[in-house]
């Protein structure tokens, strides 16, 4: 069984926003993602593939 990671780690791995990962999990797009209920974090298999091409927004230059 794969090790489980959270939405923050998945976002870093996939190169997208943490809320985008949360929404993909909530929509059932992330294979193997589990949620125990309200107030609990999403758990995503470490080997899960990103269901969409994600791109982090470019940071504004200072």
PDB file of N, CA and C in Angstrom:
ATOM      1  N   UNK A   1       0.842  -1.196   0.000  1.00  0.00           N
ATOM      2  CA  UNK A   1       0.000   0.000   0.000  1.00  0.00           C
ATOM      3  C   UNK A   1       0.875   1.243   0.000  1.00  0.00           C
ATOM      4  N   UNK A   2       0.478   2.215  -0.792  1.00  0.00           N
ATOM      5  CA  UNK A   2       1.226   3.469  -0.874  1.00  0.00           C
ATOM      6  C   UNK A   2       1.161   4.234   0.436  1.00  0.00           C
ATOM      7  N   UNK A   3       2.217   4.964   0.690  1.00  0.00           N
ATOM      8  CA  UNK A   3       2.237   5.902   1.803  1.00  0.00           C
ATOM      9  C   UNK A   3       1.266   7.026   1.448  1.00  0.00           C
ATOM     10  N   UNK A   4       0.607   7.597   2.423  1.00  0.00           N
ATOM     11  CA  UNK A   4      -0.368   8.659   2.179  1.00  0.00           C
ATOM     12  C   UNK A   4       0.260  10.020   2.469  1.00  0.00           C
ATOM     13  N   UNK A   5      -0.115  11.006   1.642  1.00  0.00           N
ATOM     14  CA  UNK A   5       0.345  12.380   1.821  1.00  0.00           C
ATOM     15  C   UNK A   5      -0.871  13.298   1.877  1.00  0.00           C
ATOM     16  N   UNK A   6      -0.654  14.529   2.292  1.00  0.00           N
ATOM     17  CA  UNK A   6      -1.737  15.501   2.373  1.00  0.00           C
ATOM     18  C   UNK A   6      -1.813  16.373   1.136  1.00  0.00           C
ATOM     19  N   UNK A   7      -2.771  17.277   1.129  1.00  0.00           N
ATOM     20  CA  UNK A   7      -2.964  18.153  -0.021  1.00  0.00           C
ATOM     21  C   UNK A   7      -1.776  19.088  -0.232  1.00  0.00           C
ATOM     22  N   UNK A   8      -1.134  19.509   0.837  1.00  0.00           N
ATOM     23  CA  UNK A   8       0.020  20.403   0.708  1.00  0.00           C
ATOM     24  C   UNK A   8       1.167  19.697  -0.014  1.00  0.00           C
ATOM     25  N   UNK A   9       1.451  18.474   0.401  1.00  0.00           N
ATOM     26  CA  UNK A   9       2.528  17.720  -0.228  1.00  0.00           C
ATOM     27  C   UNK A   9       2.195  17.390  -1.688  1.00  0.00           C
ATOM     28  N   UNK A  10       0.943  17.042  -1.951  1.00  0.00           N
ATOM     29  CA  UNK A  10       0.523  16.740  -3.327  1.00  0.00           C
ATOM     30  C   UNK A  10       0.641  17.989  -4.203  1.00  0.00           C
ATOM     31  N   UNK A  11       0.263  19.142  -3.665  1.00  0.00           N
ATOM     32  CA  UNK A  11       0.359  20.388  -4.419  1.00  0.00           C
ATOM     33  C   UNK A  11       1.812  20.691  -4.780  1.00  0.00           C
ATOM     34  N   UNK A  12       2.721  20.487  -3.835  1.00  0.00           N
ATOM     35  CA  UNK A  12       4.141  20.717  -4.101  1.00  0.00           C
ATOM     36  C   UNK A  12       4.653  19.736  -5.152  1.00  0.00           C
ATOM     37  N   UNK A  13       4.251  18.483  -5.035  1.00  0.00           N
ATOM     38  CA  UNK A  13       4.682  17.437  -5.966  1.00  0.00           C
ATOM     39  C   UNK A  13       4.152  17.692  -7.374  1.00  0.00           C
ATOM     40  N   UNK A  14       2.892  18.099  -7.489  1.00  0.00           N
ATOM     41  CA  UNK A  14       2.229  18.277  -8.778  1.00  0.00           C
ATOM     42  C   UNK A  14       2.417  19.677  -9.360  1.00  0.00           C
ATOM     43  N   UNK A  15       2.925  20.610  -8.552  1.00  0.00           N
ATOM     44  CA  UNK A  15       3.143  21.968  -9.038  1.00  0.00           C
ATOM     45  C   UNK A  15       1.876  22.774  -9.182  1.00  0.00           C
ATOM     46  N   UNK A  16       0.961  22.618  -8.226  1.00  0.00           N
ATOM     47  CA  UNK A  16      -0.273  23.402  -8.282  1.00  0.00           C
ATOM     48  C   UNK A  16      -0.655  23.896  -6.892  1.00  0.00           C
ATOM     49  N   UNK A  17      -1.721  24.627  -6.832  1.00  0.00           N
ATOM     50  CA  UNK A  17      -2.214  25.227  -5.600  1.00  0.00           C
ATOM     51  C   UNK A  17      -2.859  24.170  -4.703  1.00  0.00           C
ATOM     52  N   UNK A  18      -2.689  24.303  -3.388  1.00  0.00           N
ATOM     53  CA  UNK A  18      -3.260  23.349  -2.441  1.00  0.00           C
ATOM     54  C   UNK A  18      -4.785  23.288  -2.544  1.00  0.00           C
ATOM     55  N   UNK A  19      -5.432  24.424  -2.775  1.00  0.00           N
ATOM     56  CA  UNK A  19      -6.892  24.424  -2.907  1.00  0.00           C
ATOM     57  C   UNK A  19      -7.331  23.687  -4.172  1.00  0.00           C
ATOM     58  N   UNK A  20      -6.519  23.740  -5.218  1.00  0.00           N
ATOM     59  CA  UNK A  20      -6.838  23.000  -6.444  1.00  0.00           C
ATOM     60  C   UNK A  20      -6.805  21.495  -6.164  1.00  0.00           C
ATOM     61  N   UNK A  21      -5.830  21.058  -5.381  1.00  0.00           N
ATOM     62  CA  UNK A  21      -5.737  19.635  -5.017  1.00  0.00           C
ATOM     63  C   UNK A  21      -6.947  19.248  -4.170  1.00  0.00           C
ATOM     64  N   UNK A  22      -7.304  20.098  -3.213  1.00  0.00           N
ATOM     65  CA  UNK A  22      -8.456  19.831  -2.359  1.00  0.00           C
ATOM     66  C   UNK A  22      -9.720  19.675  -3.202  1.00  0.00           C
ATOM     67  N   UNK A  23      -9.897  20.575  -4.172  1.00  0.00           N
ATOM     68  CA  UNK A  23     -11.087  20.531  -5.025  1.00  0.00           C
ATOM     69  C   UNK A  23     -11.098  19.276  -5.896  1.00  0.00           C
ATOM     70  N   UNK A  24      -9.924  18.879  -6.404  1.00  0.00           N
ATOM     71  CA  UNK A  24      -9.847  17.646  -7.206  1.00  0.00           C
ATOM     72  C   UNK A  24     -10.212  16.433  -6.358  1.00  0.00           C
ATOM     73  N   UNK A  25      -9.748  16.412  -5.115  1.00  0.00           N
ATOM     74  CA  UNK A  25     -10.094  15.309  -4.201  1.00  0.00           C
ATOM     75  C   UNK A  25     -11.594  15.309  -3.929  1.00  0.00           C
ATOM     76  N   UNK A  26     -12.130  16.477  -3.620  1.00  0.00           N
ATOM     77  CA  UNK A  26     -13.553  16.620  -3.308  1.00  0.00           C
ATOM     78  C   UNK A  26     -14.422  16.188  -4.486  1.00  0.00           C
ATOM     79  N   UNK A  27     -13.946  16.427  -5.692  1.00  0.00           N
ATOM     80  CA  UNK A  27     -14.691  16.067  -6.897  1.00  0.00           C
ATOM     81  C   UNK A  27     -14.515  14.610  -7.300  1.00  0.00           C
ATOM     82  N   UNK A  28     -13.670  13.881  -6.575  1.00  0.00           N
ATOM     83  CA  UNK A  28     -13.462  12.469  -6.867  1.00  0.00           C
ATOM     84  C   UNK A  28     -12.490  12.205  -8.006  1.00  0.00           C
ATOM     85  N   UNK A  29     -11.684  13.195  -8.362  1.00  0.00           N
ATOM     86  CA  UNK A  29     -10.770  13.049  -9.480  1.00  0.00           C
ATOM     87  C   UNK A  29      -9.433  12.407  -9.113  1.00  0.00           C
ATOM     88  N   UNK A  30      -9.071  12.434  -7.821  1.00  0.00           N
ATOM     89  CA  UNK A  30      -7.792  11.872  -7.394  1.00  0.00           C
ATOM     90  C   UNK A  30      -8.022  10.431  -6.953  1.00  0.00           C
ATOM     91  N   UNK A  31      -7.501   9.503  -7.735  1.00  0.00           N
ATOM     92  CA  UNK A  31      -7.707   8.082  -7.466  1.00  0.00           C
ATOM     93  C   UNK A  31      -7.063   7.685  -6.134  1.00  0.00           C
ATOM     94  N   UNK A  32      -7.869   7.088  -5.272  1.00  0.00           N
ATOM     95  CA  UNK A  32      -7.383   6.590  -3.985  1.00  0.00           C
ATOM     96  C   UNK A  32      -7.411   7.591  -2.854  1.00  0.00           C
ATOM     97  N   UNK A  33      -7.819   8.833  -3.126  1.00  0.00           N
ATOM     98  CA  UNK A  33      -7.886   9.843  -2.071  1.00  0.00           C
ATOM     99  C   UNK A  33      -9.035   9.510  -1.116  1.00  0.00           C
ATOM    100  N   UNK A  34      -8.771   9.637   0.177  1.00  0.00           N
ATOM    101  CA  UNK A  34      -9.791   9.337   1.179  1.00  0.00           C
ATOM    102  C   UNK A  34      -9.974  10.521   2.127  1.00  0.00           C
ATOM    103  N   UNK A  35     -11.187  10.660   2.612  1.00  0.00           N
ATOM    104  CA  UNK A  35     -11.555  11.744   3.520  1.00  0.00           C
ATOM    105  C   UNK A  35     -12.442  11.148   4.597  1.00  0.00           C
ATOM    106  N   UNK A  36     -12.047  11.307   5.838  1.00  0.00           N
ATOM    107  CA  UNK A  36     -12.778  10.712   6.957  1.00  0.00           C
ATOM    108  C   UNK A  36     -14.042  11.480   7.328  1.00  0.00           C
ATOM    109  N   UNK A  37     -14.127  12.742   6.915  1.00  0.00           N
ATOM    110  CA  UNK A  37     -15.311  13.534   7.227  1.00  0.00           C
ATOM    111  C   UNK A  37     -14.965  14.983   7.484  1.00  0.00           C
ATOM    112  N   UNK A  38     -15.965  15.804   7.834  1.00  0.00           N
ATOM    113  CA  UNK A  38     -15.736  17.233   8.055  1.00  0.00           C
ATOM    114  C   UNK A  38     -14.637  17.482   9.083  1.00  0.00           C
ATOM    115  N   UNK A  39     -13.764  18.421   8.758  1.00  0.00           N
ATOM    116  CA  UNK A  39     -12.680  18.778   9.670  1.00  0.00           C
ATOM    117  C   UNK A  39     -11.468  17.870   9.579  1.00  0.00           C
ATOM    118  N   UNK A  40     -11.545  16.844   8.759  1.00  0.00           N
ATOM    119  CA  UNK A  40     -10.433  15.912   8.606  1.00  0.00           C
ATOM    120  C   UNK A  40      -9.707  16.197   7.291  1.00  0.00           C
ATOM    121  N   UNK A  41      -8.393  15.952   7.252  1.00  0.00           N
ATOM    122  CA  UNK A  41      -7.650  16.213   6.016  1.00  0.00           C
ATOM    123  C   UNK A  41      -7.862  15.122   4.971  1.00  0.00           C
ATOM    124  N   UNK A  42      -7.632  15.483   3.721  1.00  0.00           N
ATOM    125  CA  UNK A  42      -7.621  14.497   2.650  1.00  0.00           C
ATOM    126  C   UNK A  42      -6.321  13.724   2.738  1.00  0.00           C
ATOM    127  N   UNK A  43      -6.388  12.428   2.496  1.00  0.00           N
ATOM    128  CA  UNK A  43      -5.193  11.586   2.432  1.00  0.00           C
ATOM    129  C   UNK A  43      -5.114  11.050   1.003  1.00  0.00           C
ATOM    130  N   UNK A  44      -3.964  11.278   0.391  1.00  0.00           N
ATOM    131  CA  UNK A  44      -3.760  10.949  -1.020  1.00  0.00           C
ATOM    132  C   UNK A  44      -2.605   9.954  -1.129  1.00  0.00           C
ATOM    133  N   UNK A  45      -2.777   8.864  -1.875  1.00  0.00           N
ATOM    134  CA  UNK A  45      -1.656   7.941  -2.055  1.00  0.00           C
ATOM    135  C   UNK A  45      -0.462   8.669  -2.671  1.00  0.00           C
ATOM    136  N   UNK A  46       0.725   8.440  -2.132  1.00  0.00           N
ATOM    137  CA  UNK A  46       1.927   9.129  -2.599  1.00  0.00           C
ATOM    138  C   UNK A  46       2.164   8.921  -4.096  1.00  0.00           C
ATOM    139  N   UNK A  47       1.790   7.776  -4.614  1.00  0.00           N
ATOM    140  CA  UNK A  47       2.004   7.479  -6.025  1.00  0.00           C
ATOM    141  C   UNK A  47       0.877   7.927  -6.946  1.00  0.00           C
ATOM    142  N   UNK A  48      -0.132   8.597  -6.408  1.00  0.00           N
ATOM    143  CA  UNK A  48      -1.259   9.038  -7.235  1.00  0.00           C
ATOM    144  C   UNK A  48      -0.803  10.071  -8.260  1.00  0.00           C
ATOM    145  N   UNK A  49      -1.395   9.987  -9.437  1.00  0.00           N
ATOM    146  CA  UNK A  49      -1.081  10.947 -10.498  1.00  0.00           C
ATOM    147  C   UNK A  49      -2.045  12.123 -10.431  1.00  0.00           C
ATOM    148  N   UNK A  50      -1.550  13.291 -10.816  1.00  0.00           N
ATOM    149  CA  UNK A  50      -2.393  14.481 -10.876  1.00  0.00           C
ATOM    150  C   UNK A  50      -3.383  14.309 -12.028  1.00  0.00           C
ATOM    151  N   UNK A  51      -4.685  14.460 -11.777  1.00  0.00           N
ATOM    152  CA  UNK A  51      -5.670  14.263 -12.836  1.00  0.00           C
ATOM    153  C   UNK A  51      -5.738  15.402 -13.852  1.00  0.00           C
ATOM    154  N   UNK A  52      -5.133  16.535 -13.540  1.00  0.00           N
ATOM    155  CA  UNK A  52      -5.134  17.701 -14.439  1.00  0.00           C
ATOM    156  C   UNK A  52      -3.725  18.262 -14.527  1.00  0.00           C
ATOM    157  N   UNK A  53      -3.434  18.929 -15.611  1.00  0.00           N
ATOM    158  CA  UNK A  53      -2.166  19.647 -15.715  1.00  0.00           C
ATOM    159  C   UNK A  53      -2.247  20.850 -14.787  1.00  0.00           C
ATOM    160  N   UNK A  54      -1.352  20.921 -13.844  1.00  0.00           N
ATOM    161  CA  UNK A  54      -1.356  22.018 -12.880  1.00  0.00           C
ATOM    162  C   UNK A  54      -0.167  22.933 -13.133  1.00  0.00           C
ATOM    163  N   UNK A  55      -0.415  24.194 -13.002  1.00  0.00           N
ATOM    164  CA  UNK A  55       0.657  25.167 -13.104  1.00  0.00           C
ATOM    165  C   UNK A  55       0.494  26.153 -11.967  1.00  0.00           C
ATOM    166  N   UNK A  56       1.580  26.362 -11.220  1.00  0.00           N
ATOM    167  CA  UNK A  56       1.531  27.350 -10.157  1.00  0.00           C
ATOM    168  C   UNK A  56       1.496  28.743 -10.780  1.00  0.00           C
ATOM    169  N   UNK A  57       0.710  29.634 -10.191  1.00  0.00           N
ATOM    170  CA  UNK A  57       0.721  31.003 -10.702  1.00  0.00           C
ATOM    171  C   UNK A  57       2.106  31.620 -10.530  1.00  0.00           C
ATOM    172  N   UNK A  58       2.519  32.417 -11.490  1.00  0.00           N
ATOM    173  CA  UNK A  58       3.828  33.064 -11.391  1.00  0.00           C
ATOM    174  C   UNK A  58       3.806  34.062 -10.263  1.00  0.00           C
ATOM    175  N   UNK A  59       4.888  34.043  -9.484  1.00  0.00           N
ATOM    176  CA  UNK A  59       4.992  34.998  -8.396  1.00  0.00           C
ATOM    177  C   UNK A  59       5.327  36.363  -8.979  1.00  0.00           C
ATOM    178  N   UNK A  60       4.756  37.385  -8.376  1.00  0.00           N
ATOM    179  CA  UNK A  60       5.027  38.730  -8.866  1.00  0.00           C
ATOM    180  C   UNK A  60       6.443  39.134  -8.495  1.00  0.00           C
ATOM    181  N   UNK A  61       7.112  39.775  -9.419  1.00  0.00           N
ATOM    182  CA  UNK A  61       8.475  40.205  -9.167  1.00  0.00           C
ATOM    183  C   UNK A  61       8.461  41.476  -8.347  1.00  0.00           C
ATOM    184  N   UNK A  62       9.452  41.588  -7.469  1.00  0.00           N
ATOM    185  CA  UNK A  62       9.525  42.765  -6.602  1.00  0.00           C
ATOM    186  C   UNK A  62      10.574  43.707  -7.106  1.00  0.00           C
TER     187      UNK A  62
END
